[in-house]
Amino acid sequence: MGKRRLPLLVTPGFIQSRWDYRHLPNIYLVYFKNFLNELEGEMRKVAGFFGIKVDEAQWPSLVEQVTFIR
């Protein structure tokens, strides 16, 4: 039996269609690699973009809860 392939959901056209709108004030593009390399910093950027205020004492717990590595 041949290998089953999943459809490629993120095509160059898909990416370009989002990239074209990156300058708009209600668009915030994130890069998965950045979340892997600097999770807390990226979380802070996203929170800032959405105007979410987080108590400094809560950050370690939040980062631990959403970490990609367990």
Protein backbone atom coordinates (compact mmCIF):
# COMPACT_ATOMS: atom_id res chain seq x y z
CA MET A 1 0.00 0.00 0.00
CA GLY A 2 1.34 3.45 -0.89
CA LYS A 3 2.08 6.18 1.60
CA ARG A 4 -0.80 8.48 2.44
CA ARG A 5 0.04 12.13 2.17
CA LEU A 6 -1.73 14.86 4.03
CA PRO A 7 -2.68 17.88 1.97
CA LEU A 8 -0.24 20.76 2.25
CA LEU A 9 -2.26 23.39 4.08
CA VAL A 10 0.37 26.12 4.19
CA THR A 11 1.28 26.88 0.61
CA PRO A 12 3.37 29.79 -0.64
CA GLY A 13 0.15 31.47 -1.76
CA PHE A 14 -1.35 31.09 1.70
CA ILE A 15 1.70 32.65 3.31
CA GLN A 16 1.84 35.48 0.76
CA SER A 17 -1.83 36.29 1.29
CA ARG A 18 -1.13 36.88 5.00
CA TRP A 19 2.18 38.65 4.42
CA ASP A 20 0.47 41.22 2.20
CA TYR A 21 -1.55 42.42 5.20
CA ARG A 22 1.20 42.45 7.83
CA HIS A 23 1.26 46.26 7.93
CA LEU A 24 -2.36 46.54 9.12
CA PRO A 25 -2.82 47.50 12.78
CA ASN A 26 -5.02 44.48 13.54
CA ILE A 27 -2.61 41.89 12.10
CA TYR A 28 0.19 40.32 14.13
CA LEU A 29 2.22 37.58 12.49
CA VAL A 30 4.01 35.12 14.72
CA TYR A 31 6.75 32.67 13.88
CA PHE A 32 6.62 29.25 15.51
CA LYS A 33 10.43 29.16 15.65
CA ASN A 34 10.42 32.33 17.78
CA PHE A 35 8.06 30.67 20.25
CA LEU A 36 10.42 27.71 20.48
CA ASN A 37 13.50 29.89 20.95
CA GLU A 38 12.12 32.59 23.26
CA LEU A 39 8.68 31.61 24.51
CA GLU A 40 8.30 34.18 27.27
CA GLY A 41 9.45 37.06 25.10
CA GLU A 42 7.05 36.10 22.32
CA MET A 43 4.19 35.67 24.78
CA ARG A 44 4.88 39.14 26.11
CA LYS A 45 4.81 40.56 22.56
CA VAL A 46 1.48 38.90 21.80
CA ALA A 47 0.00 40.09 25.10
CA GLY A 48 1.21 43.60 24.36
CA PHE A 49 -0.28 43.54 20.87
CA PHE A 50 -3.68 42.61 22.28
CA GLY A 51 -3.39 45.05 25.18
CA ILE A 52 -3.44 42.27 27.77
CA LYS A 53 -1.84 43.28 31.05
CA VAL A 54 -0.22 40.46 33.00
CA ASP A 55 1.12 40.76 36.51
CA GLU A 56 4.90 40.14 36.50
CA ALA A 57 4.49 37.43 39.14
CA GLN A 58 2.20 35.44 36.80
CA TRP A 59 4.60 35.16 33.86
CA PRO A 60 6.61 32.14 35.06
CA SER A 61 3.43 30.13 35.62
CA LEU A 62 1.94 31.14 32.27
CA VAL A 63 5.11 30.23 30.39
CA GLU A 64 5.28 26.87 32.16
CA GLN A 65 1.67 26.09 31.25
CA VAL A 66 2.15 26.67 27.53
CA THR A 67 5.68 25.37 27.08
CA PHE A 68 6.29 23.15 24.07
CA ILE A 69 8.75 20.97 25.94
CA ARG A 70 7.54 18.83 28.84
